């Protein structure tokens, strides 16, 4: 009797285990590096290219998650089971966009991943590697034919957001240091506003125009001043950087620059894109006095006159 009872309990346990799939989602297992659970899912007939429809992994396939987590063993297993190496997430792109390390990138490329695939905003894997400072991944992508001057939907190239670890690599591979996005912004503008002195230095050394103007007439120095990036602003001035607008000169308290704008005939009450006059931005008494001496008024004062 006891023997029969034991056999019955064993049979019930086996049925329960077979009837219930793994409690952990295959994408979660991939992120955790839990290859045993991934194998369980695949053995149970899970679609290797299925995209999660909700939660943390919404829109992602297991391979995308494995690539992001840097788990080569799981990525290899998924590819062997038919995972699409170029499956695309609406925002995050392909598994190659998300490759966390060189090993993953090599595996994906060896299985014909497109090195110039674009994500939902037009960025390539090289954009992502550059922005993330993944130098080894960037080197591999370039060696495999990635376009160093590829433009995203907004016109930005990998160099527009490159981390200091990658900027010299991109330049050596032929990246245009004066490339402009659709707003006229250069990589040096972006380095200036982010306070990335270590990025600005090699850009300038390789010929970046320190006085390039965007579509609003703003130079890299204007952007550095706007975000109070003092060290980067000093670097730009050292290399001949100037203000592109009188508003920025006033904002930075640069008396001589304001004086030069006024001497050149700049409208003392011209409004910028925020509707402000140079006097609205004046940061020092000396600069404010100079502007008033030339008839400058604040935006509110101008409104009062027009009433």
C-alpha atoms as a PDB file:
ATOM      1  CA  UNK A   1       0.000   0.000   0.000  1.00  0.00           C
ATOM      2  CA  UNK A   2       2.790   2.398   0.997  1.00  0.00           C
ATOM      3  CA  UNK A   3       4.594   1.524  -2.227  1.00  0.00           C
ATOM      4  CA  UNK A   4       1.492   2.329  -4.309  1.00  0.00           C
ATOM      5  CA  UNK A   5       1.000   5.637  -2.462  1.00  0.00           C
ATOM      6  CA  UNK A   6       4.604   6.649  -3.172  1.00  0.00           C
ATOM      7  CA  UNK A   7       4.196   5.760  -6.847  1.00  0.00           C
ATOM      8  CA  UNK A   8       0.987   7.809  -7.066  1.00  0.00           C
ATOM      9  CA  UNK A   9       2.596  10.903  -5.488  1.00  0.00           C
ATOM     10  CA  UNK A  10       5.587  10.596  -7.813  1.00  0.00           C
ATOM     11  CA  UNK A  11       3.283  10.387 -10.838  1.00  0.00           C
ATOM     12  CA  UNK A  12       1.272  13.444  -9.716  1.00  0.00           C
ATOM     13  CA  UNK A  13       4.468  15.448  -9.176  1.00  0.00           C
ATOM     14  CA  UNK A  14       5.709  14.549 -12.652  1.00  0.00           C
ATOM     15  CA  UNK A  15       2.405  15.596 -14.230  1.00  0.00           C
ATOM     16  CA  UNK A  16       2.501  18.939 -12.404  1.00  0.00           C
ATOM     17  CA  UNK A  17       6.077  19.620 -13.507  1.00  0.00           C
ATOM     18  CA  UNK A  18       5.359  18.765 -17.131  1.00  0.00           C
ATOM     19  CA  UNK A  19       2.035  20.568 -17.215  1.00  0.00           C
ATOM     20  CA  UNK A  20       3.398  23.841 -15.845  1.00  0.00           C
ATOM     21  CA  UNK A  21       5.967  25.761 -17.850  1.00  0.00           C
ATOM     22  CA  UNK A  22       8.780  27.754 -16.239  1.00  0.00           C
ATOM     23  CA  UNK A  23       7.491  30.472 -13.923  1.00  0.00           C
ATOM     24  CA  UNK A  24      10.188  32.919 -15.096  1.00  0.00           C
ATOM     25  CA  UNK A  25       9.643  34.630 -18.472  1.00  0.00           C
ATOM     26  CA  UNK A  26      12.190  33.642 -21.130  1.00  0.00           C
ATOM     27  CA  UNK A  27      13.325  37.268 -21.490  1.00  0.00           C
ATOM     28  CA  UNK A  28      13.777  37.606 -17.742  1.00  0.00           C
ATOM     29  CA  UNK A  29      15.752  34.356 -17.729  1.00  0.00           C
ATOM     30  CA  UNK A  30      17.946  35.706 -20.549  1.00  0.00           C
ATOM     31  CA  UNK A  31      18.617  38.889 -18.582  1.00  0.00           C
ATOM     32  CA  UNK A  32      19.510  36.896 -15.469  1.00  0.00           C
ATOM     33  CA  UNK A  33      21.813  34.552 -17.385  1.00  0.00           C
ATOM     34  CA  UNK A  34      19.593  31.617 -16.460  1.00  0.00           C
ATOM     35  CA  UNK A  35      20.323  29.326 -19.403  1.00  0.00           C
ATOM     36  CA  UNK A  36      18.561  26.339 -17.819  1.00  0.00           C
ATOM     37  CA  UNK A  37      15.245  28.203 -17.775  1.00  0.00           C
ATOM     38  CA  UNK A  38      15.796  29.475 -21.319  1.00  0.00           C
ATOM     39  CA  UNK A  39      16.318  25.865 -22.411  1.00  0.00           C
ATOM     40  CA  UNK A  40      13.115  24.851 -20.605  1.00  0.00           C
ATOM     41  CA  UNK A  41      11.147  27.456 -22.538  1.00  0.00           C
ATOM     42  CA  UNK A  42      12.627  26.347 -25.847  1.00  0.00           C
ATOM     43  CA  UNK A  43      11.987  22.687 -25.065  1.00  0.00           C
ATOM     44  CA  UNK A  44       8.376  23.584 -24.303  1.00  0.00           C
ATOM     45  CA  UNK A  45       8.040  25.135 -27.766  1.00  0.00           C
ATOM     46  CA  UNK A  46       8.473  28.828 -26.980  1.00  0.00           C
ATOM     47  CA  UNK A  47       8.695  31.090 -30.046  1.00  0.00           C
ATOM     48  CA  UNK A  48      12.325  32.208 -30.097  1.00  0.00           C
ATOM     49  CA  UNK A  49      11.350  35.396 -31.966  1.00  0.00           C
ATOM     50  CA  UNK A  50       8.297  36.301 -29.899  1.00  0.00           C
ATOM     51  CA  UNK A  51       8.194  39.890 -28.653  1.00  0.00           C
ATOM     52  CA  UNK A  52       6.876  40.642 -25.195  1.00  0.00           C
ATOM     53  CA  UNK A  53       3.696  42.714 -25.375  1.00  0.00           C
ATOM     54  CA  UNK A  54       3.964  44.367 -21.968  1.00  0.00           C
ATOM     55  CA  UNK A  55       6.207  45.107 -19.008  1.00  0.00           C
ATOM     56  CA  UNK A  56       9.960  45.599 -18.830  1.00  0.00           C
ATOM     57  CA  UNK A  57      10.724  43.776 -22.071  1.00  0.00           C
ATOM     58  CA  UNK A  58       7.884  45.170 -24.173  1.00  0.00           C
ATOM     59  CA  UNK A  59       8.719  44.800 -27.850  1.00  0.00           C
ATOM     60  CA  UNK A  60      11.905  42.826 -27.162  1.00  0.00           C
ATOM     61  CA  UNK A  61      12.832  39.329 -28.259  1.00  0.00           C
ATOM     62  CA  UNK A  62      14.886  37.028 -26.015  1.00  0.00           C
ATOM     63  CA  UNK A  63      17.951  37.630 -28.213  1.00  0.00           C
ATOM     64  CA  UNK A  64      17.696  41.387 -27.790  1.00  0.00           C
ATOM     65  CA  UNK A  65      17.638  40.953 -24.005  1.00  0.00           C
ATOM     66  CA  UNK A  66      20.548  38.487 -24.077  1.00  0.00           C
ATOM     67  CA  UNK A  67      22.590  40.913 -26.203  1.00  0.00           C
ATOM     68  CA  UNK A  68      21.818  43.761 -23.824  1.00  0.00           C
ATOM     69  CA  UNK A  69      22.859  41.608 -20.861  1.00  0.00           C
ATOM     70  CA  UNK A  70      26.040  40.472 -22.586  1.00  0.00           C
ATOM     71  CA  UNK A  71      25.335  36.755 -22.198  1.00  0.00           C
ATOM     72  CA  UNK A  72      27.083  35.079 -25.132  1.00  0.00           C
ATOM     73  CA  UNK A  73      26.103  31.515 -24.187  1.00  0.00           C
ATOM     74  CA  UNK A  74      22.389  32.308 -24.161  1.00  0.00           C
ATOM     75  CA  UNK A  75      22.701  34.389 -27.341  1.00  0.00           C
ATOM     76  CA  UNK A  76      24.413  31.462 -29.096  1.00  0.00           C
ATOM     77  CA  UNK A  77      21.660  29.099 -27.972  1.00  0.00           C
ATOM     78  CA  UNK A  78      18.909  31.419 -29.208  1.00  0.00           C
ATOM     79  CA  UNK A  79      20.603  31.928 -32.588  1.00  0.00           C
ATOM     80  CA  UNK A  80      21.062  28.167 -32.945  1.00  0.00           C
ATOM     81  CA  UNK A  81      17.318  27.824 -32.370  1.00  0.00           C
ATOM     82  CA  UNK A  82      16.521  30.291 -35.147  1.00  0.00           C
ATOM     83  CA  UNK A  83      16.514  33.706 -33.474  1.00  0.00           C
ATOM     84  CA  UNK A  84      16.431  36.579 -35.985  1.00  0.00           C
ATOM     85  CA  UNK A  85      19.634  38.610 -35.516  1.00  0.00           C
ATOM     86  CA  UNK A  86      18.094  41.656 -37.188  1.00  0.00           C
ATOM     87  CA  UNK A  87      14.758  41.708 -35.375  1.00  0.00           C
ATOM     88  CA  UNK A  88      13.992  45.310 -34.524  1.00  0.00           C
ATOM     89  CA  UNK A  89      12.556  46.996 -31.446  1.00  0.00           C
ATOM     90  CA  UNK A  90      10.653  50.198 -32.195  1.00  0.00           C
ATOM     91  CA  UNK A  91      13.056  52.334 -30.139  1.00  0.00           C
ATOM     92  CA  UNK A  92      16.000  50.158 -29.149  1.00  0.00           C
ATOM     93  CA  UNK A  93      16.801  48.739 -32.557  1.00  0.00           C
ATOM     94  CA  UNK A  94      18.342  45.345 -33.247  1.00  0.00           C
ATOM     95  CA  UNK A  95      20.309  43.049 -30.926  1.00  0.00           C
ATOM     96  CA  UNK A  96      23.491  44.592 -32.383  1.00  0.00           C
ATOM     97  CA  UNK A  97      22.370  48.047 -31.233  1.00  0.00           C
ATOM     98  CA  UNK A  98      22.179  46.620 -27.744  1.00  0.00           C
ATOM     99  CA  UNK A  99      25.373  44.550 -27.764  1.00  0.00           C
ATOM    100  CA  UNK A 100      26.868  45.006 -24.314  1.00  0.00           C
ATOM    101  CA  UNK A 101      30.339  43.797 -25.259  1.00  0.00           C
ATOM    102  CA  UNK A 102      32.614  42.858 -28.153  1.00  0.00           C
ATOM    103  CA  UNK A 103      31.933  39.112 -27.809  1.00  0.00           C
ATOM    104  CA  UNK A 104      28.211  39.595 -28.347  1.00  0.00           C
ATOM    105  CA  UNK A 105      28.818  41.957 -31.274  1.00  0.00           C
ATOM    106  CA  UNK A 106      31.206  39.460 -32.900  1.00  0.00           C
ATOM    107  CA  UNK A 107      28.666  36.662 -32.517  1.00  0.00           C
ATOM    108  CA  UNK A 108      25.875  38.717 -34.071  1.00  0.00           C
ATOM    109  CA  UNK A 109      28.031  39.928 -36.970  1.00  0.00           C
ATOM    110  CA  UNK A 110      29.271  36.369 -37.590  1.00  0.00           C
ATOM    111  CA  UNK A 111      25.611  35.474 -38.028  1.00  0.00           C
ATOM    112  CA  UNK A 112      25.080  38.239 -40.618  1.00  0.00           C
ATOM    113  CA  UNK A 113      23.731  41.042 -38.420  1.00  0.00           C
ATOM    114  CA  UNK A 114      23.455  44.331 -40.341  1.00  0.00           C
ATOM    115  CA  UNK A 115      26.131  46.711 -38.997  1.00  0.00           C
ATOM    116  CA  UNK A 116      24.280  49.709 -40.452  1.00  0.00           C
ATOM    117  CA  UNK A 117      20.772  48.776 -39.301  1.00  0.00           C
ATOM    118  CA  UNK A 118      18.740  51.715 -37.981  1.00  0.00           C
ATOM    119  CA  UNK A 119      16.657  51.949 -34.844  1.00  0.00           C
ATOM    120  CA  UNK A 120      13.369  53.835 -34.526  1.00  0.00           C
ATOM    121  CA  UNK A 121      15.155  57.197 -34.615  1.00  0.00           C
ATOM    122  CA  UNK A 122      17.537  56.304 -37.435  1.00  0.00           C
ATOM    123  CA  UNK A 123      20.569  55.602 -35.258  1.00  0.00           C
ATOM    124  CA  UNK A 124      22.949  52.764 -36.151  1.00  0.00           C
ATOM    125  CA  UNK A 125      24.769  50.361 -33.804  1.00  0.00           C
ATOM    126  CA  UNK A 126      27.802  52.658 -34.135  1.00  0.00           C
ATOM    127  CA  UNK A 127      25.760  55.572 -32.779  1.00  0.00           C
ATOM    128  CA  UNK A 128      24.903  53.466 -29.751  1.00  0.00           C
ATOM    129  CA  UNK A 129      28.468  52.226 -29.212  1.00  0.00           C
ATOM    130  CA  UNK A 130      29.798  55.789 -29.524  1.00  0.00           C
ATOM    131  CA  UNK A 131      27.266  57.245 -27.103  1.00  0.00           C
ATOM    132  CA  UNK A 132      27.873  54.440 -24.606  1.00  0.00           C
ATOM    133  CA  UNK A 133      31.649  54.640 -24.790  1.00  0.00           C
ATOM    134  CA  UNK A 134      31.956  51.016 -25.946  1.00  0.00           C
ATOM    135  CA  UNK A 135      35.279  51.435 -27.741  1.00  0.00           C
ATOM    136  CA  UNK A 136      35.886  47.752 -28.533  1.00  0.00           C
ATOM    137  CA  UNK A 137      32.411  47.382 -30.013  1.00  0.00           C
ATOM    138  CA  UNK A 138      32.887  50.578 -32.029  1.00  0.00           C
ATOM    139  CA  UNK A 139      36.252  49.332 -33.364  1.00  0.00           C
ATOM    140  CA  UNK A 140      34.672  46.069 -34.459  1.00  0.00           C
ATOM    141  CA  UNK A 141      31.731  47.798 -36.138  1.00  0.00           C
ATOM    142  CA  UNK A 142      34.040  50.120 -38.073  1.00  0.00           C
ATOM    143  CA  UNK A 143      36.227  47.189 -39.137  1.00  0.00           C
ATOM    144  CA  UNK A 144      33.095  45.425 -40.385  1.00  0.00           C
ATOM    145  CA  UNK A 145      31.977  48.359 -42.524  1.00  0.00           C
ATOM    146  CA  UNK A 146      29.894  50.579 -40.251  1.00  0.00           C
ATOM    147  CA  UNK A 147      29.368  54.066 -41.698  1.00  0.00           C
ATOM    148  CA  UNK A 148      31.178  56.525 -39.390  1.00  0.00           C
ATOM    149  CA  UNK A 149      29.159  59.412 -40.834  1.00  0.00           C
ATOM    150  CA  UNK A 150      25.752  57.724 -40.769  1.00  0.00           C
ATOM    151  CA  UNK A 151      22.999  60.233 -39.978  1.00  0.00           C
ATOM    152  CA  UNK A 152      20.083  59.576 -37.673  1.00  0.00           C
ATOM    153  CA  UNK A 153      16.649  61.054 -38.390  1.00  0.00           C
ATOM    154  CA  UNK A 154      17.717  64.275 -36.679  1.00  0.00           C
ATOM    155  CA  UNK A 155      20.898  64.410 -38.750  1.00  0.00           C
ATOM    156  CA  UNK A 156      23.254  63.508 -35.918  1.00  0.00           C
ATOM    157  CA  UNK A 157      26.281  61.306 -36.613  1.00  0.00           C
ATOM    158  CA  UNK A 158      27.992  58.953 -34.135  1.00  0.00           C
ATOM    159  CA  UNK A 159      30.435  61.794 -33.421  1.00  0.00           C
ATOM    160  CA  UNK A 160      27.617  64.103 -32.277  1.00  0.00           C
ATOM    161  CA  UNK A 161      27.231  62.193 -29.043  1.00  0.00           C
ATOM    162  CA  UNK A 162      30.509  60.312 -28.805  1.00  0.00           C
ATOM    163  CA  UNK A 163      31.954  59.532 -25.401  1.00  0.00           C
ATOM    164  CA  UNK A 164      35.581  60.504 -24.783  1.00  0.00           C
ATOM    165  CA  UNK A 165      36.592  56.830 -25.106  1.00  0.00           C
ATOM    166  CA  UNK A 166      35.424  56.699 -28.720  1.00  0.00           C
ATOM    167  CA  UNK A 167      35.845  60.181 -30.205  1.00  0.00           C
ATOM    168  CA  UNK A 168      39.452  59.781 -31.425  1.00  0.00           C
ATOM    169  CA  UNK A 169      38.653  56.376 -32.906  1.00  0.00           C
ATOM    170  CA  UNK A 170      35.817  57.873 -34.953  1.00  0.00           C
ATOM    171  CA  UNK A 171      37.940  60.782 -36.149  1.00  0.00           C
ATOM    172  CA  UNK A 172      40.764  58.431 -37.183  1.00  0.00           C
ATOM    173  CA  UNK A 173      38.220  56.403 -39.161  1.00  0.00           C
ATOM    174  CA  UNK A 174      37.119  59.462 -41.125  1.00  0.00           C
ATOM    175  CA  UNK A 175      34.276  60.955 -39.095  1.00  0.00           C
ATOM    176  CA  UNK A 176      33.469  64.532 -40.147  1.00  0.00           C
ATOM    177  CA  UNK A 177      34.312  66.794 -37.182  1.00  0.00           C
ATOM    178  CA  UNK A 178      32.168  69.580 -38.646  1.00  0.00           C
ATOM    179  CA  UNK A 179      29.116  67.501 -39.543  1.00  0.00           C
ATOM    180  CA  UNK A 180      25.847  69.322 -38.865  1.00  0.00           C
ATOM    181  CA  UNK A 181      22.521  67.860 -37.843  1.00  0.00           C
ATOM    182  CA  UNK A 182      19.255  69.249 -39.170  1.00  0.00           C
ATOM    183  CA  UNK A 183      19.459  72.123 -36.670  1.00  0.00           C
ATOM    184  CA  UNK A 184      22.962  73.076 -37.759  1.00  0.00           C
ATOM    185  CA  UNK A 185      24.512  71.703 -34.583  1.00  0.00           C
ATOM    186  CA  UNK A 186      28.041  70.255 -34.748  1.00  0.00           C
ATOM    187  CA  UNK A 187      29.710  67.659 -32.502  1.00  0.00           C
ATOM    188  CA  UNK A 188      31.584  70.538 -30.840  1.00  0.00           C
ATOM    189  CA  UNK A 189      28.291  72.225 -29.894  1.00  0.00           C
ATOM    190  CA  UNK A 190      27.218  69.036 -28.144  1.00  0.00           C
ATOM    191  CA  UNK A 191      30.552  68.590 -26.382  1.00  0.00           C
ATOM    192  CA  UNK A 192      30.380  72.215 -25.245  1.00  0.00           C
ATOM    193  CA  UNK A 193      26.925  72.064 -23.693  1.00  0.00           C
ATOM    194  CA  UNK A 194      27.703  68.719 -22.035  1.00  0.00           C
ATOM    195  CA  UNK A 195      30.935  70.065 -20.575  1.00  0.00           C
ATOM    196  CA  UNK A 196      32.902  67.300 -22.296  1.00  0.00           C
ATOM    197  CA  UNK A 197      36.271  69.017 -22.399  1.00  0.00           C
ATOM    198  CA  UNK A 198      37.968  65.675 -23.179  1.00  0.00           C
ATOM    199  CA  UNK A 199      35.782  65.373 -26.287  1.00  0.00           C
ATOM    200  CA  UNK A 200      36.119  69.018 -27.317  1.00  0.00           C
ATOM    201  CA  UNK A 201      39.940  68.919 -27.248  1.00  0.00           C
ATOM    202  CA  UNK A 202      40.454  66.227 -29.929  1.00  0.00           C
ATOM    203  CA  UNK A 203      37.653  67.733 -32.022  1.00  0.00           C
ATOM    204  CA  UNK A 204      39.408  71.109 -32.031  1.00  0.00           C
ATOM    205  CA  UNK A 205      42.810  69.475 -32.623  1.00  0.00           C
ATOM    206  CA  UNK A 206      41.406  67.761 -35.721  1.00  0.00           C
ATOM    207  CA  UNK A 207      39.912  70.892 -37.234  1.00  0.00           C
ATOM    208  CA  UNK A 208      36.495  71.422 -35.677  1.00  0.00           C
ATOM    209  CA  UNK A 209      35.282  74.971 -36.336  1.00  0.00           C
ATOM    210  CA  UNK A 210      35.170  76.643 -32.906  1.00  0.00           C
ATOM    211  CA  UNK A 211      32.892  79.350 -34.299  1.00  0.00           C
ATOM    212  CA  UNK A 212      30.478  77.179 -36.269  1.00  0.00           C
ATOM    213  CA  UNK A 213      26.938  78.549 -35.988  1.00  0.00           C
ATOM    214  CA  UNK A 214      23.781  76.500 -35.748  1.00  0.00           C
ATOM    215  CA  UNK A 215      20.486  77.565 -37.301  1.00  0.00           C
ATOM    216  CA  UNK A 216      19.880  79.972 -34.392  1.00  0.00           C
ATOM    217  CA  UNK A 217      23.255  81.624 -34.931  1.00  0.00           C
ATOM    218  CA  UNK A 218      24.714  80.061 -31.781  1.00  0.00           C
ATOM    219  CA  UNK A 219      28.335  78.939 -31.493  1.00  0.00           C
ATOM    220  CA  UNK A 220      29.788  76.215 -29.258  1.00  0.00           C
ATOM    221  CA  UNK A 221      30.854  78.972 -26.835  1.00  0.00           C
ATOM    222  CA  UNK A 222      27.247  80.157 -26.603  1.00  0.00           C
ATOM    223  CA  UNK A 223      26.183  76.649 -25.658  1.00  0.00           C
ATOM    224  CA  UNK A 224      28.954  76.251 -23.085  1.00  0.00           C
ATOM    225  CA  UNK A 225      27.943  79.536 -21.469  1.00  0.00           C
ATOM    226  CA  UNK A 226      24.245  78.627 -21.536  1.00  0.00           C
ATOM    227  CA  UNK A 227      24.923  75.511 -19.483  1.00  0.00           C
ATOM    228  CA  UNK A 228      27.556  77.130 -17.258  1.00  0.00           C
ATOM    229  CA  UNK A 229      30.313  74.837 -18.533  1.00  0.00           C
ATOM    230  CA  UNK A 230      33.169  77.117 -17.470  1.00  0.00           C
ATOM    231  CA  UNK A 231      36.120  74.833 -18.280  1.00  0.00           C
ATOM    232  CA  UNK A 232      34.832  74.053 -21.750  1.00  0.00           C
ATOM    233  CA  UNK A 233      34.066  77.736 -22.366  1.00  0.00           C
ATOM    234  CA  UNK A 234      37.631  78.647 -21.379  1.00  0.00           C
ATOM    235  CA  UNK A 235      38.997  75.986 -23.747  1.00  0.00           C
ATOM    236  CA  UNK A 236      36.919  77.371 -26.621  1.00  0.00           C
ATOM    237  CA  UNK A 237      38.051  80.949 -25.912  1.00  0.00           C
ATOM    238  CA  UNK A 238      41.668  79.749 -25.802  1.00  0.00           C
ATOM    239  CA  UNK A 239      41.231  78.473 -29.359  1.00  0.00           C
ATOM    240  CA  UNK A 240      39.515  81.613 -30.638  1.00  0.00           C
ATOM    241  CA  UNK A 241      35.931  80.754 -29.781  1.00  0.00           C
ATOM    242  CA  UNK A 242      33.525  83.676 -29.852  1.00  0.00           C
ATOM    243  CA  UNK A 243      29.898  84.302 -29.019  1.00  0.00           C
ATOM    244  CA  UNK A 244      27.534  83.980 -31.946  1.00  0.00           C
ATOM    245  CA  UNK A 245      24.838  86.191 -30.425  1.00  0.00           C
ATOM    246  CA  UNK A 246      24.829  89.299 -28.259  1.00  0.00           C
ATOM    247  CA  UNK A 247      22.398  87.518 -25.939  1.00  0.00           C
ATOM    248  CA  UNK A 248      24.942  84.843 -25.126  1.00  0.00           C
ATOM    249  CA  UNK A 249      27.673  87.428 -24.635  1.00  0.00           C
ATOM    250  CA  UNK A 250      25.427  89.281 -22.175  1.00  0.00           C
ATOM    251  CA  UNK A 251      24.485  86.039 -20.471  1.00  0.00           C
ATOM    252  CA  UNK A 252      28.163  85.205 -20.016  1.00  0.00           C
ATOM    253  CA  UNK A 253      28.977  88.676 -18.708  1.00  0.00           C
ATOM    254  CA  UNK A 254      31.467  89.216 -21.539  1.00  0.00           C
ATOM    255  CA  UNK A 255      31.693  93.016 -21.631  1.00  0.00           C
ATOM    256  CA  UNK A 256      34.125  93.170 -24.563  1.00  0.00           C
ATOM    257  CA  UNK A 257      32.044  90.809 -26.691  1.00  0.00           C
ATOM    258  CA  UNK A 258      28.881  92.837 -26.014  1.00  0.00           C
ATOM    259  CA  UNK A 259      30.759  96.032 -26.888  1.00  0.00           C
ATOM    260  CA  UNK A 260      31.936  94.479 -30.175  1.00  0.00           C
ATOM    261  CA  UNK A 261      28.397  93.439 -31.121  1.00  0.00           C
ATOM    262  CA  UNK A 262      27.089  96.940 -30.448  1.00  0.00           C
ATOM    263  CA  UNK A 263      29.980  98.580 -32.321  1.00  0.00           C
ATOM    264  CA  UNK A 264      29.149  96.372 -35.312  1.00  0.00           C
ATOM    265  CA  UNK A 265      25.585  97.706 -35.326  1.00  0.00           C
ATOM    266  CA  UNK A 266      23.737  94.827 -33.666  1.00  0.00           C
ATOM    267  CA  UNK A 267      20.206  95.817 -32.624  1.00  0.00           C
ATOM    268  CA  UNK A 268      20.494  96.410 -28.878  1.00  0.00           C
ATOM    269  CA  UNK A 269      16.904  95.274 -28.346  1.00  0.00           C
ATOM    270  CA  UNK A 270      16.832  92.281 -30.652  1.00  0.00           C
ATOM    271  CA  UNK A 271      14.881  89.376 -29.179  1.00  0.00           C
ATOM    272  CA  UNK A 272      16.134  85.815 -29.124  1.00  0.00           C
ATOM    273  CA  UNK A 273      14.106  82.627 -29.575  1.00  0.00           C
ATOM    274  CA  UNK A 274      12.884  82.978 -25.995  1.00  0.00           C
ATOM    275  CA  UNK A 275      11.590  86.483 -26.595  1.00  0.00           C
ATOM    276  CA  UNK A 276      14.299  88.035 -24.426  1.00  0.00           C
ATOM    277  CA  UNK A 277      16.507  91.038 -25.134  1.00  0.00           C
ATOM    278  CA  UNK A 278      20.244  91.268 -24.363  1.00  0.00           C
ATOM    279  CA  UNK A 279      19.424  93.313 -21.249  1.00  0.00           C
ATOM    280  CA  UNK A 280      17.184  90.525 -19.963  1.00  0.00           C
ATOM    281  CA  UNK A 281      20.222  88.271 -20.016  1.00  0.00           C
ATOM    282  CA  UNK A 282      22.854  90.723 -18.723  1.00  0.00           C
ATOM    283  CA  UNK A 283      24.673  89.011 -15.855  1.00  0.00           C
ATOM    284  CA  UNK A 284      26.885  91.881 -14.650  1.00  0.00           C
ATOM    285  CA  UNK A 285      26.167  95.497 -13.764  1.00  0.00           C
ATOM    286  CA  UNK A 286      28.926  96.636 -16.119  1.00  0.00           C
ATOM    287  CA  UNK A 287      27.376  94.804 -19.076  1.00  0.00           C
ATOM    288  CA  UNK A 288      23.856  95.968 -18.193  1.00  0.00           C
ATOM    289  CA  UNK A 289      25.049  99.585 -17.969  1.00  0.00           C
ATOM    290  CA  UNK A 290      26.712  99.305 -21.384  1.00  0.00           C
ATOM    291  CA  UNK A 291      23.531  97.929 -22.945  1.00  0.00           C
ATOM    292  CA  UNK A 292      21.367 100.649 -21.356  1.00  0.00           C
ATOM    293  CA  UNK A 293      23.823 103.293 -22.525  1.00  0.00           C
ATOM    294  CA  UNK A 294      23.051 102.149 -26.086  1.00  0.00           C
ATOM    295  CA  UNK A 295      19.291 102.288 -25.540  1.00  0.00           C
ATOM    296  CA  UNK A 296      18.803  98.731 -24.388  1.00  0.00           C
ATOM    297  CA  UNK A 297      15.624  97.726 -22.589  1.00  0.00           C
ATOM    298  CA  UNK A 298      14.186  94.590 -21.072  1.00  0.00           C
ATOM    299  CA  UNK A 299      11.419  92.717 -22.838  1.00  0.00           C
ATOM    300  CA  UNK A 300       8.888  93.974 -20.300  1.00  0.00           C
ATOM    301  CA  UNK A 301      10.005  97.574 -20.786  1.00  0.00           C
ATOM    302  CA  UNK A 302       9.570  97.209 -24.545  1.00  0.00           C
ATOM    303  CA  UNK A 303       6.060  95.818 -24.038  1.00  0.00           C
ATOM    304  CA  UNK A 304       5.135  98.775 -21.855  1.00  0.00           C
ATOM    305  CA  UNK A 305       6.255 101.209 -24.551  1.00  0.00           C
ATOM    306  CA  UNK A 306       4.204  99.432 -27.203  1.00  0.00           C
ATOM    307  CA  UNK A 307       0.973  99.523 -25.150  1.00  0.00           C
END
